[in-house]
Amino acid sequence: MNSRRKFIKNSCIGALGMTILPSFTIKSEKLTKLIILHTNDTHSRIHPFKTGKYKGYGGMAERATIINDIRKKNKHVLLFDAGDIFQGTPYFNYFKGELELKIMSEMQYDAATLGNHDFDNGLDELEKQLPNANFPFISSNYNFEKTNLKNKFKKFKIFKKAGIKIGVYGIGVKLEGLVPKKLYGNVIYEDPIIKSNKIAKFLKKEKKCDLIICLSHLGLKYKTSKVSDIVLAQESKHIDLIIGGHTHSFLEEPLHVKNKEKKDVIINQVGWGGINLGRIDFNFNQNKHFKKVFGRPIFVKKNTKNA
C-alpha cells in the first residue's frame, strides 16, 4: 500500500513538473527589425520653411540629422524617395537638380523613383543630372527605349538586410496632361497595374523576395476612376508596401488596404516639402515573415529626437 502511494505521489510530481516545465523553457520568438524611411514630393526644399503654416519645418540638413540618428540606433535601415525631387525653389532654377541629388547622395538614399516634375527640364537635362545621384532611380512603367535615357533606369532592385530580401520597383503617373510633350519626348507610358503585378509576381515567385515595396508616384486616391495607390493595392496580389507621392497627402499613420487575395497592403505618404520623414518598422520572425508593423511620420525640425 505504501509503495502504491509512493508511486502515485511520484507520478503526480512528475506530471506536474511536465506541465510547469514549458513555461520556463519556451523562449520568446526572436524578431529582426527592418526600418523603412521615406520621403516624397520634396520639391527642391533645401532649407526649412521661413514663413507660413510650416515655418521652421523641413530642411535637408535637419532631415539628415534625424536619419543619421536612426541609423546609429538601428542596424537595418533603408531610405527611399517616391518622386518629385525637383521643382519648387530657386535652387532648382539655378542648379537644375544637381544640388538636390548631391545632398540626397550624402544622406545615402538607397533608391528613388521618378515624379512628373523630375521631367521639368526635359530628358537631356535629366540625363546630365543623373550622375550626381550615387543611388539608383527605379522606373518600371516608363519605357525609355526610344530616348537618350535608354538603360539609365533600373526596372527593380533587390536589397538584402539580415538575410531578408527586399524587392523594390517604381511606378509613375501618366505624363500626358501633366508634362509638356516636348519635355518627355518618346517616353512610353505603360499600364501601372499590369506592369506592377508582373514585376511584383516576378520578385515574389522568381526572386523569392520576403518583402515587396512599390515606390509610387500615382497619387493616394481620386474621386474619378484614375489609377491611384489605393486602386493599385486593391488590384494587386504580391505588394506588401506602397510608398506614395504626387498628391501631397499627409497621413498620420499608414493605411491598410485589402488586395485581390484579401491580404493587407500598407500604403504611406508623408505630404510634401520634406516636412515629414516617413518611418515604417517591420519585425520579421525567423521564417522571414513579418509579424508586427508600426508606422508613423516624423516631423522634420531642428533638434527632433528619434529612436
C-alpha atoms as a PDB file:
ATOM      1  CA  MET A   1       0.000   0.000   0.000  1.00  0.00           C
ATOM      2  CA  ASN A   2       2.812   2.360   0.913  1.00  0.00           C
ATOM      3  CA  SER A   3       4.633   1.572  -2.288  1.00  0.00           C
ATOM      4  CA  ARG A   4       1.436   2.282  -4.260  1.00  0.00           C
ATOM      5  CA  ARG A   5       1.025   5.660  -2.546  1.00  0.00           C
ATOM      6  CA  LYS A   6       4.659   6.442  -3.176  1.00  0.00           C
ATOM      7  CA  PHE A   7       4.242   5.553  -6.875  1.00  0.00           C
ATOM      8  CA  ILE A   8       1.148   7.784  -7.207  1.00  0.00           C
ATOM      9  CA  LYS A   9       2.875  10.645  -5.380  1.00  0.00           C
ATOM     10  CA  ASN A  10       5.962  10.434  -7.606  1.00  0.00           C
ATOM     11  CA  SER A  11       3.793  10.179 -10.720  1.00  0.00           C
ATOM     12  CA  CYS A  12       1.843  13.308  -9.751  1.00  0.00           C
ATOM     13  CA  ILE A  13       5.033  15.239  -9.112  1.00  0.00           C
ATOM     14  CA  GLY A  14       6.386  14.088 -12.455  1.00  0.00           C
ATOM     15  CA  ALA A  15       3.203  15.089 -14.270  1.00  0.00           C
ATOM     16  CA  LEU A  16       3.164  18.459 -12.510  1.00  0.00           C
ATOM     17  CA  GLY A  17       6.767  19.005 -13.490  1.00  0.00           C
ATOM     18  CA  MET A  18       5.972  18.231 -17.120  1.00  0.00           C
ATOM     19  CA  THR A  19       3.106  20.743 -17.006  1.00  0.00           C
ATOM     20  CA  ILE A  20       5.143  23.541 -15.447  1.00  0.00           C
ATOM     21  CA  LEU A  21       8.390  22.977 -17.353  1.00  0.00           C
ATOM     22  CA  PRO A  22       7.433  24.560 -20.703  1.00  0.00           C
ATOM     23  CA  SER A  23       6.633  27.905 -19.094  1.00  0.00           C
ATOM     24  CA  PHE A  24      10.277  28.134 -18.045  1.00  0.00           C
ATOM     25  CA  THR A  25      11.899  26.689 -21.177  1.00  0.00           C
ATOM     26  CA  ILE A  26       9.953  28.194 -24.073  1.00  0.00           C
ATOM     27  CA  LYS A  27      11.782  31.285 -25.296  1.00  0.00           C
ATOM     28  CA  SER A  28      10.088  34.324 -26.790  1.00  0.00           C
ATOM     29  CA  GLU A  29      10.280  34.499 -30.583  1.00  0.00           C
ATOM     30  CA  LYS A  30      13.303  36.376 -31.898  1.00  0.00           C
ATOM     31  CA  LEU A  31      12.352  39.186 -34.273  1.00  0.00           C
ATOM     32  CA  THR A  32      14.541  41.122 -36.692  1.00  0.00           C
ATOM     33  CA  LYS A  33      13.632  44.793 -37.134  1.00  0.00           C
ATOM     34  CA  LEU A  34      13.814  46.401 -40.574  1.00  0.00           C
ATOM     35  CA  ILE A  35      13.180  50.156 -40.740  1.00  0.00           C
ATOM     36  CA  ILE A  36      11.953  51.784 -43.954  1.00  0.00           C
ATOM     37  CA  LEU A  37      12.463  55.560 -44.083  1.00  0.00           C
ATOM     38  CA  HIS A  38      10.956  57.521 -46.943  1.00  0.00           C
ATOM     39  CA  THR A  39      10.182  60.908 -48.465  1.00  0.00           C
ATOM     40  CA  ASN A  40       8.094  62.179 -51.378  1.00  0.00           C
ATOM     41  CA  ASP A  41       7.491  65.445 -53.221  1.00  0.00           C
ATOM     42  CA  THR A  42      10.370  67.256 -51.542  1.00  0.00           C
ATOM     43  CA  HIS A  43      10.330  69.798 -54.411  1.00  0.00           C
ATOM     44  CA  SER A  44      13.830  71.256 -54.087  1.00  0.00           C
ATOM     45  CA  ARG A  45      13.290  72.334 -50.460  1.00  0.00           C
ATOM     46  CA  ILE A  46      16.871  72.644 -49.261  1.00  0.00           C
ATOM     47  CA  HIS A  47      16.167  74.779 -46.178  1.00  0.00           C
ATOM     48  CA  PRO A  48      13.295  74.816 -43.661  1.00  0.00           C
ATOM     49  CA  PHE A  49      10.208  76.865 -44.493  1.00  0.00           C
ATOM     50  CA  LYS A  50      10.729  80.506 -43.474  1.00  0.00           C
ATOM     51  CA  THR A  51       7.097  81.614 -43.404  1.00  0.00           C
ATOM     52  CA  GLY A  52       3.552  80.276 -43.277  1.00  0.00           C
ATOM     53  CA  LYS A  53       1.935  77.272 -41.673  1.00  0.00           C
ATOM     54  CA  TYR A  54       5.103  75.161 -41.784  1.00  0.00           C
ATOM     55  CA  LYS A  55       7.571  77.812 -40.658  1.00  0.00           C
ATOM     56  CA  GLY A  56      10.634  76.114 -39.168  1.00  0.00           C
ATOM     57  CA  TYR A  57       9.808  72.679 -40.589  1.00  0.00           C
ATOM     58  CA  GLY A  58      11.686  70.764 -43.257  1.00  0.00           C
ATOM     59  CA  GLY A  59      15.257  71.251 -44.379  1.00  0.00           C
ATOM     60  CA  MET A  60      17.655  68.702 -45.811  1.00  0.00           C
ATOM     61  CA  ALA A  61      20.315  69.185 -43.126  1.00  0.00           C
ATOM     62  CA  GLU A  62      17.674  68.651 -40.452  1.00  0.00           C
ATOM     63  CA  ARG A  63      16.413  65.521 -42.236  1.00  0.00           C
ATOM     64  CA  ALA A  64      19.951  64.178 -42.488  1.00  0.00           C
ATOM     65  CA  THR A  65      20.435  64.606 -38.737  1.00  0.00           C
ATOM     66  CA  ILE A  66      17.312  62.563 -37.995  1.00  0.00           C
ATOM     67  CA  ILE A  67      18.282  59.847 -40.489  1.00  0.00           C
ATOM     68  CA  ASN A  68      21.785  59.563 -39.065  1.00  0.00           C
ATOM     69  CA  ASP A  69      20.387  59.294 -35.542  1.00  0.00           C
ATOM     70  CA  ILE A  70      18.069  56.468 -36.568  1.00  0.00           C
ATOM     71  CA  ARG A  71      20.890  54.638 -38.332  1.00  0.00           C
ATOM     72  CA  LYS A  72      23.129  54.897 -35.275  1.00  0.00           C
ATOM     73  CA  LYS A  73      20.494  53.245 -33.105  1.00  0.00           C
ATOM     74  CA  ASN A  74      19.264  50.609 -35.574  1.00  0.00           C
ATOM     75  CA  LYS A  75      21.198  48.116 -37.692  1.00  0.00           C
ATOM     76  CA  HIS A  76      18.873  47.530 -40.647  1.00  0.00           C
ATOM     77  CA  VAL A  77      17.619  50.704 -42.333  1.00  0.00           C
ATOM     78  CA  LEU A  78      16.596  51.540 -45.921  1.00  0.00           C
ATOM     79  CA  LEU A  79      15.858  55.036 -47.269  1.00  0.00           C
ATOM     80  CA  PHE A  80      13.668  55.713 -50.333  1.00  0.00           C
ATOM     81  CA  ASP A  81      12.054  58.600 -52.215  1.00  0.00           C
ATOM     82  CA  ALA A  82       8.809  58.446 -54.229  1.00  0.00           C
ATOM     83  CA  GLY A  83       9.483  61.214 -56.745  1.00  0.00           C
ATOM     84  CA  ASP A  84       9.160  64.954 -57.451  1.00  0.00           C
ATOM     85  CA  ILE A  85      12.584  65.702 -56.078  1.00  0.00           C
ATOM     86  CA  PHE A  86      12.826  68.676 -58.454  1.00  0.00           C
ATOM     87  CA  GLN A  87      10.977  71.988 -58.857  1.00  0.00           C
ATOM     88  CA  GLY A  88       9.715  74.394 -56.229  1.00  0.00           C
ATOM     89  CA  THR A  89      12.510  76.760 -55.166  1.00  0.00           C
ATOM     90  CA  PRO A  90      15.139  78.919 -56.910  1.00  0.00           C
ATOM     91  CA  TYR A  91      17.727  76.228 -56.120  1.00  0.00           C
ATOM     92  CA  PHE A  92      16.206  74.098 -58.879  1.00  0.00           C
ATOM     93  CA  ASN A  93      16.056  77.002 -61.311  1.00  0.00           C
ATOM     94  CA  TYR A  94      19.755  77.697 -60.775  1.00  0.00           C
ATOM     95  CA  PHE A  95      21.330  74.278 -60.190  1.00  0.00           C
ATOM     96  CA  LYS A  96      18.801  72.248 -62.286  1.00  0.00           C
ATOM     97  CA  GLY A  97      18.639  69.402 -59.758  1.00  0.00           C
ATOM     98  CA  GLU A  98      22.350  68.992 -59.101  1.00  0.00           C
ATOM     99  CA  LEU A  99      22.183  70.211 -55.507  1.00  0.00           C
ATOM    100  CA  GLU A 100      19.206  68.058 -54.548  1.00  0.00           C
ATOM    101  CA  LEU A 101      20.788  64.862 -55.872  1.00  0.00           C
ATOM    102  CA  LYS A 102      24.174  65.554 -54.312  1.00  0.00           C
ATOM    103  CA  ILE A 103      22.651  66.160 -50.878  1.00  0.00           C
ATOM    104  CA  MET A 104      20.473  63.057 -51.171  1.00  0.00           C
ATOM    105  CA  SER A 105      23.618  61.116 -52.051  1.00  0.00           C
ATOM    106  CA  GLU A 106      25.245  62.438 -48.882  1.00  0.00           C
ATOM    107  CA  MET A 107      22.199  61.181 -46.960  1.00  0.00           C
ATOM    108  CA  GLN A 108      22.798  57.764 -48.546  1.00  0.00           C
ATOM    109  CA  TYR A 109      19.408  57.237 -50.136  1.00  0.00           C
ATOM    110  CA  ASP A 110      19.053  53.655 -51.296  1.00  0.00           C
ATOM    111  CA  ALA A 111      16.745  54.347 -54.257  1.00  0.00           C
ATOM    112  CA  ALA A 112      14.196  56.768 -55.714  1.00  0.00           C
ATOM    113  CA  THR A 113      11.571  56.762 -58.428  1.00  0.00           C
ATOM    114  CA  LEU A 114      10.606  59.499 -60.876  1.00  0.00           C
ATOM    115  CA  GLY A 115       7.816  62.016 -60.401  1.00  0.00           C
ATOM    116  CA  ASN A 116       6.297  64.152 -63.143  1.00  0.00           C
ATOM    117  CA  HIS A 117       8.223  67.262 -62.036  1.00  0.00           C
ATOM    118  CA  ASP A 118      11.503  65.409 -62.418  1.00  0.00           C
ATOM    119  CA  PHE A 119      10.943  65.848 -66.177  1.00  0.00           C
ATOM    120  CA  ASP A 120      10.541  69.638 -65.918  1.00  0.00           C
ATOM    121  CA  ASN A 121      13.862  70.434 -67.621  1.00  0.00           C
ATOM    122  CA  GLY A 122      13.476  67.753 -70.283  1.00  0.00           C
ATOM    123  CA  LEU A 123      15.205  64.442 -70.941  1.00  0.00           C
ATOM    124  CA  ASP A 124      18.586  65.910 -71.899  1.00  0.00           C
ATOM    125  CA  GLU A 125      18.913  67.841 -68.648  1.00  0.00           C
ATOM    126  CA  LEU A 126      17.671  64.870 -66.622  1.00  0.00           C
ATOM    127  CA  GLU A 127      20.393  62.758 -68.211  1.00  0.00           C
ATOM    128  CA  LYS A 128      23.011  65.365 -67.242  1.00  0.00           C
ATOM    129  CA  GLN A 129      21.888  65.338 -63.617  1.00  0.00           C
ATOM    130  CA  LEU A 130      21.685  61.567 -63.065  1.00  0.00           C
ATOM    131  CA  PRO A 131      25.451  61.159 -62.403  1.00  0.00           C
ATOM    132  CA  ASN A 132      25.011  63.394 -59.342  1.00  0.00           C
ATOM    133  CA  ALA A 133      22.986  60.615 -57.690  1.00  0.00           C
ATOM    134  CA  ASN A 134      25.009  57.729 -56.259  1.00  0.00           C
ATOM    135  CA  PHE A 135      21.753  55.837 -55.719  1.00  0.00           C
ATOM    136  CA  PRO A 136      19.618  54.223 -58.460  1.00  0.00           C
ATOM    137  CA  PHE A 137      16.430  55.622 -59.928  1.00  0.00           C
ATOM    138  CA  ILE A 138      13.923  52.815 -60.356  1.00  0.00           C
ATOM    139  CA  SER A 139      11.283  53.262 -63.043  1.00  0.00           C
ATOM    140  CA  SER A 140       9.193  50.274 -64.048  1.00  0.00           C
ATOM    141  CA  ASN A 141       6.341  51.599 -66.202  1.00  0.00           C
ATOM    142  CA  TYR A 142       8.095  54.381 -68.132  1.00  0.00           C
ATOM    143  CA  ASN A 143       9.607  52.899 -71.281  1.00  0.00           C
ATOM    144  CA  PHE A 144      12.716  54.863 -72.302  1.00  0.00           C
ATOM    145  CA  GLU A 145      13.786  52.547 -75.170  1.00  0.00           C
ATOM    146  CA  LYS A 146      13.331  55.248 -77.827  1.00  0.00           C
ATOM    147  CA  THR A 147      15.023  58.032 -75.870  1.00  0.00           C
ATOM    148  CA  ASN A 148      18.517  59.106 -74.812  1.00  0.00           C
ATOM    149  CA  LEU A 149      17.724  57.671 -71.356  1.00  0.00           C
ATOM    150  CA  LYS A 150      17.600  54.069 -72.534  1.00  0.00           C
ATOM    151  CA  ASN A 151      19.189  51.769 -69.932  1.00  0.00           C
ATOM    152  CA  LYS A 152      19.599  54.651 -67.454  1.00  0.00           C
ATOM    153  CA  PHE A 153      16.972  53.368 -65.022  1.00  0.00           C
ATOM    154  CA  LYS A 154      16.507  50.070 -63.229  1.00  0.00           C
ATOM    155  CA  LYS A 155      13.203  48.196 -63.505  1.00  0.00           C
ATOM    156  CA  PHE A 156      13.683  46.874 -59.969  1.00  0.00           C
ATOM    157  CA  LYS A 157      16.352  46.384 -57.320  1.00  0.00           C
ATOM    158  CA  ILE A 158      16.737  43.769 -54.591  1.00  0.00           C
ATOM    159  CA  PHE A 159      18.216  44.732 -51.232  1.00  0.00           C
ATOM    160  CA  LYS A 160      19.357  42.324 -48.520  1.00  0.00           C
ATOM    161  CA  LYS A 161      19.259  43.131 -44.819  1.00  0.00           C
ATOM    162  CA  ALA A 162      19.925  40.494 -42.128  1.00  0.00           C
ATOM    163  CA  GLY A 163      19.144  37.740 -44.626  1.00  0.00           C
ATOM    164  CA  ILE A 164      15.836  39.373 -45.620  1.00  0.00           C
ATOM    165  CA  LYS A 165      15.320  40.028 -49.344  1.00  0.00           C
ATOM    166  CA  ILE A 166      13.516  43.271 -50.167  1.00  0.00           C
ATOM    167  CA  GLY A 167      12.346  43.750 -53.756  1.00  0.00           C
ATOM    168  CA  VAL A 168      11.743  47.356 -54.822  1.00  0.00           C
ATOM    169  CA  TYR A 169      10.260  48.740 -58.033  1.00  0.00           C
ATOM    170  CA  GLY A 170       8.854  52.112 -59.173  1.00  0.00           C
ATOM    171  CA  ILE A 171       5.577  53.200 -60.782  1.00  0.00           C
ATOM    172  CA  GLY A 172       4.979  56.655 -62.255  1.00  0.00           C
ATOM    173  CA  VAL A 173       1.918  58.746 -63.070  1.00  0.00           C
ATOM    174  CA  LYS A 174       0.756  59.326 -66.648  1.00  0.00           C
ATOM    175  CA  LEU A 175       2.809  62.230 -68.018  1.00  0.00           C
ATOM    176  CA  GLU A 176       0.349  63.321 -70.704  1.00  0.00           C
ATOM    177  CA  GLY A 177      -1.521  66.369 -69.450  1.00  0.00           C
ATOM    178  CA  LEU A 178       0.945  66.943 -66.597  1.00  0.00           C
ATOM    179  CA  VAL A 179       4.170  67.476 -68.538  1.00  0.00           C
ATOM    180  CA  PRO A 180       4.535  69.155 -71.949  1.00  0.00           C
ATOM    181  CA  LYS A 181       5.172  66.554 -74.649  1.00  0.00           C
ATOM    182  CA  LYS A 182       8.452  68.193 -75.704  1.00  0.00           C
ATOM    183  CA  LEU A 183       9.871  67.550 -72.215  1.00  0.00           C
ATOM    184  CA  TYR A 184       9.252  63.798 -72.103  1.00  0.00           C
ATOM    185  CA  GLY A 185       9.502  63.125 -75.832  1.00  0.00           C
ATOM    186  CA  ASN A 186       9.239  59.454 -76.772  1.00  0.00           C
ATOM    187  CA  VAL A 187       8.816  58.085 -73.257  1.00  0.00           C
ATOM    188  CA  ILE A 188       6.080  55.425 -73.446  1.00  0.00           C
ATOM    189  CA  TYR A 189       3.681  55.126 -70.511  1.00  0.00           C
ATOM    190  CA  GLU A 190       2.834  51.512 -69.643  1.00  0.00           C
ATOM    191  CA  ASP A 191      -0.242  50.466 -67.672  1.00  0.00           C
ATOM    192  CA  PRO A 192       0.712  50.773 -63.978  1.00  0.00           C
ATOM    193  CA  ILE A 193      -1.476  47.907 -62.733  1.00  0.00           C
ATOM    194  CA  ILE A 194      -0.420  45.400 -65.394  1.00  0.00           C
ATOM    195  CA  LYS A 195       3.257  46.329 -65.082  1.00  0.00           C
ATOM    196  CA  SER A 196       3.139  46.390 -61.294  1.00  0.00           C
ATOM    197  CA  ASN A 197       1.553  42.966 -60.964  1.00  0.00           C
ATOM    198  CA  LYS A 198       4.013  41.467 -63.435  1.00  0.00           C
ATOM    199  CA  ILE A 199       7.081  42.771 -61.609  1.00  0.00           C
ATOM    200  CA  ALA A 200       5.720  42.065 -58.113  1.00  0.00           C
ATOM    201  CA  LYS A 201       4.957  38.469 -59.118  1.00  0.00           C
ATOM    202  CA  PHE A 202       8.462  38.093 -60.564  1.00  0.00           C
ATOM    203  CA  LEU A 203      10.042  39.434 -57.373  1.00  0.00           C
ATOM    204  CA  LYS A 204       7.929  37.163 -55.169  1.00  0.00           C
ATOM    205  CA  LYS A 205       7.921  33.945 -57.194  1.00  0.00           C
ATOM    206  CA  GLU A 206      11.198  34.023 -59.132  1.00  0.00           C
ATOM    207  CA  LYS A 207      13.445  36.084 -56.878  1.00  0.00           C
ATOM    208  CA  LYS A 208      11.885  34.827 -53.614  1.00  0.00           C
ATOM    209  CA  CYS A 209      11.686  38.260 -52.002  1.00  0.00           C
ATOM    210  CA  ASP A 210      10.380  38.401 -48.438  1.00  0.00           C
ATOM    211  CA  LEU A 211       9.108  41.978 -48.730  1.00  0.00           C
ATOM    212  CA  ILE A 212       7.964  43.789 -51.885  1.00  0.00           C
ATOM    213  CA  ILE A 213       7.887  47.585 -51.981  1.00  0.00           C
ATOM    214  CA  CYS A 214       6.409  49.787 -54.695  1.00  0.00           C
ATOM    215  CA  LEU A 215       7.740  53.348 -54.922  1.00  0.00           C
ATOM    216  CA  SER A 216       4.701  55.041 -56.432  1.00  0.00           C
ATOM    217  CA  HIS A 217       4.064  58.478 -57.871  1.00  0.00           C
ATOM    218  CA  LEU A 218       0.456  57.712 -58.814  1.00  0.00           C
ATOM    219  CA  GLY A 219      -1.224  59.642 -56.006  1.00  0.00           C
ATOM    220  CA  LEU A 220      -3.100  58.328 -52.983  1.00  0.00           C
ATOM    221  CA  LYS A 221      -6.717  58.443 -54.273  1.00  0.00           C
ATOM    222  CA  TYR A 222      -9.063  60.316 -56.613  1.00  0.00           C
ATOM    223  CA  LYS A 223     -12.789  60.930 -56.964  1.00  0.00           C
ATOM    224  CA  THR A 224     -12.544  59.639 -60.535  1.00  0.00           C
ATOM    225  CA  SER A 225     -11.512  56.192 -61.815  1.00  0.00           C
ATOM    226  CA  LYS A 226      -7.935  57.381 -62.273  1.00  0.00           C
ATOM    227  CA  VAL A 227      -5.398  54.815 -61.069  1.00  0.00           C
ATOM    228  CA  SER A 228      -4.160  55.610 -57.560  1.00  0.00           C
ATOM    229  CA  ASP A 229      -2.239  53.855 -54.808  1.00  0.00           C
ATOM    230  CA  ILE A 230      -5.478  52.588 -53.306  1.00  0.00           C
ATOM    231  CA  VAL A 231      -6.664  51.204 -56.657  1.00  0.00           C
ATOM    232  CA  LEU A 232      -3.250  49.646 -57.273  1.00  0.00           C
ATOM    233  CA  ALA A 233      -3.319  47.977 -53.854  1.00  0.00           C
ATOM    234  CA  GLN A 234      -6.821  46.601 -54.441  1.00  0.00           C
ATOM    235  CA  GLU A 235      -5.811  45.170 -57.833  1.00  0.00           C
ATOM    236  CA  SER A 236      -2.552  43.616 -56.613  1.00  0.00           C
ATOM    237  CA  LYS A 237      -1.506  40.231 -55.224  1.00  0.00           C
ATOM    238  CA  HIS A 238       2.108  40.459 -54.098  1.00  0.00           C
ATOM    239  CA  ILE A 239       2.777  44.053 -52.969  1.00  0.00           C
ATOM    240  CA  ASP A 240       3.419  44.484 -49.242  1.00  0.00           C
ATOM    241  CA  LEU A 241       4.105  48.226 -49.068  1.00  0.00           C
ATOM    242  CA  ILE A 242       3.335  51.189 -51.332  1.00  0.00           C
ATOM    243  CA  ILE A 243       5.366  54.311 -50.613  1.00  0.00           C
ATOM    244  CA  GLY A 244       3.386  57.027 -52.349  1.00  0.00           C
ATOM    245  CA  GLY A 245       3.659  60.544 -53.665  1.00  0.00           C
ATOM    246  CA  HIS A 246       2.132  63.083 -56.080  1.00  0.00           C
ATOM    247  CA  THR A 247      -0.996  64.075 -54.120  1.00  0.00           C
ATOM    248  CA  HIS A 248       0.958  65.606 -51.207  1.00  0.00           C
ATOM    249  CA  SER A 249      -1.136  63.577 -48.753  1.00  0.00           C
ATOM    250  CA  PHE A 250      -0.270  63.868 -45.055  1.00  0.00           C
ATOM    251  CA  LEU A 251      -1.089  60.544 -43.416  1.00  0.00           C
ATOM    252  CA  GLU A 252      -0.987  60.318 -39.638  1.00  0.00           C
ATOM    253  CA  GLU A 253      -0.404  56.585 -39.966  1.00  0.00           C
ATOM    254  CA  PRO A 254      -0.145  54.107 -42.847  1.00  0.00           C
ATOM    255  CA  LEU A 255      -3.335  52.853 -44.485  1.00  0.00           C
ATOM    256  CA  HIS A 256      -4.157  49.157 -44.787  1.00  0.00           C
ATOM    257  CA  VAL A 257      -5.986  48.124 -47.965  1.00  0.00           C
ATOM    258  CA  LYS A 258      -7.059  44.598 -48.915  1.00  0.00           C
ATOM    259  CA  ASN A 259      -5.633  43.207 -52.155  1.00  0.00           C
ATOM    260  CA  LYS A 260      -7.215  40.671 -54.527  1.00  0.00           C
ATOM    261  CA  GLU A 261      -6.351  37.873 -52.102  1.00  0.00           C
ATOM    262  CA  LYS A 262      -7.801  39.747 -49.097  1.00  0.00           C
ATOM    263  CA  LYS A 263      -4.331  40.395 -47.684  1.00  0.00           C
ATOM    264  CA  ASP A 264      -3.222  43.758 -46.320  1.00  0.00           C
ATOM    265  CA  VAL A 265      -1.248  46.168 -48.468  1.00  0.00           C
ATOM    266  CA  ILE A 266       0.316  49.005 -46.466  1.00  0.00           C
ATOM    267  CA  ILE A 267       0.209  52.478 -48.053  1.00  0.00           C
ATOM    268  CA  ASN A 268       2.049  55.505 -46.739  1.00  0.00           C
ATOM    269  CA  GLN A 269       2.725  59.072 -47.883  1.00  0.00           C
ATOM    270  CA  VAL A 270       4.196  61.992 -45.945  1.00  0.00           C
ATOM    271  CA  GLY A 271       2.944  65.221 -47.504  1.00  0.00           C
ATOM    272  CA  TRP A 272       5.459  67.375 -49.343  1.00  0.00           C
ATOM    273  CA  GLY A 273       8.405  69.757 -48.985  1.00  0.00           C
ATOM    274  CA  GLY A 274      10.371  67.476 -46.661  1.00  0.00           C
ATOM    275  CA  ILE A 275       8.139  68.495 -43.755  1.00  0.00           C
ATOM    276  CA  ASN A 276       7.877  64.874 -42.683  1.00  0.00           C
ATOM    277  CA  LEU A 277      10.099  61.829 -42.851  1.00  0.00           C
ATOM    278  CA  GLY A 278       8.148  58.594 -43.132  1.00  0.00           C
ATOM    279  CA  ARG A 279       9.101  55.648 -40.945  1.00  0.00           C
ATOM    280  CA  ILE A 280       7.734  52.109 -41.024  1.00  0.00           C
ATOM    281  CA  ASP A 281       9.129  49.343 -38.810  1.00  0.00           C
ATOM    282  CA  PHE A 282       8.791  45.728 -39.934  1.00  0.00           C
ATOM    283  CA  ASN A 283       9.579  42.952 -37.459  1.00  0.00           C
ATOM    284  CA  PHE A 284      10.426  39.641 -39.124  1.00  0.00           C
ATOM    285  CA  ASN A 285      10.419  36.257 -37.434  1.00  0.00           C
ATOM    286  CA  GLN A 286      12.962  33.509 -38.095  1.00  0.00           C
ATOM    287  CA  ASN A 287      10.910  32.293 -41.059  1.00  0.00           C
ATOM    288  CA  LYS A 288      11.249  35.774 -42.595  1.00  0.00           C
ATOM    289  CA  HIS A 289       7.559  36.563 -42.195  1.00  0.00           C
ATOM    290  CA  PHE A 290       6.801  39.999 -40.815  1.00  0.00           C
ATOM    291  CA  LYS A 291       4.799  39.725 -37.617  1.00  0.00           C
ATOM    292  CA  LYS A 292       4.476  43.308 -36.464  1.00  0.00           C
ATOM    293  CA  VAL A 293       4.327  46.550 -38.436  1.00  0.00           C
ATOM    294  CA  PHE A 294       4.408  50.044 -36.982  1.00  0.00           C
ATOM    295  CA  GLY A 295       4.413  53.316 -38.901  1.00  0.00           C
ATOM    296  CA  ARG A 296       4.421  56.999 -38.108  1.00  0.00           C
ATOM    297  CA  PRO A 297       5.506  60.306 -39.667  1.00  0.00           C
ATOM    298  CA  ILE A 298       8.383  62.203 -38.101  1.00  0.00           C
ATOM    299  CA  PHE A 299       8.159  65.985 -38.278  1.00  0.00           C
ATOM    300  CA  VAL A 300      11.452  67.336 -39.575  1.00  0.00           C
ATOM    301  CA  LYS A 301      12.528  70.199 -37.389  1.00  0.00           C
ATOM    302  CA  LYS A 302      15.755  71.184 -35.732  1.00  0.00           C
ATOM    303  CA  ASN A 303      16.544  69.148 -32.587  1.00  0.00           C
ATOM    304  CA  THR A 304      13.945  66.469 -33.385  1.00  0.00           C
ATOM    305  CA  LYS A 305      14.770  63.284 -31.421  1.00  0.00           C
ATOM    306  CA  ASN A 306      14.010  59.775 -32.637  1.00  0.00           C
ATOM    307  CA  ALA A 307      14.583  56.174 -31.524  1.00  0.00           C
END
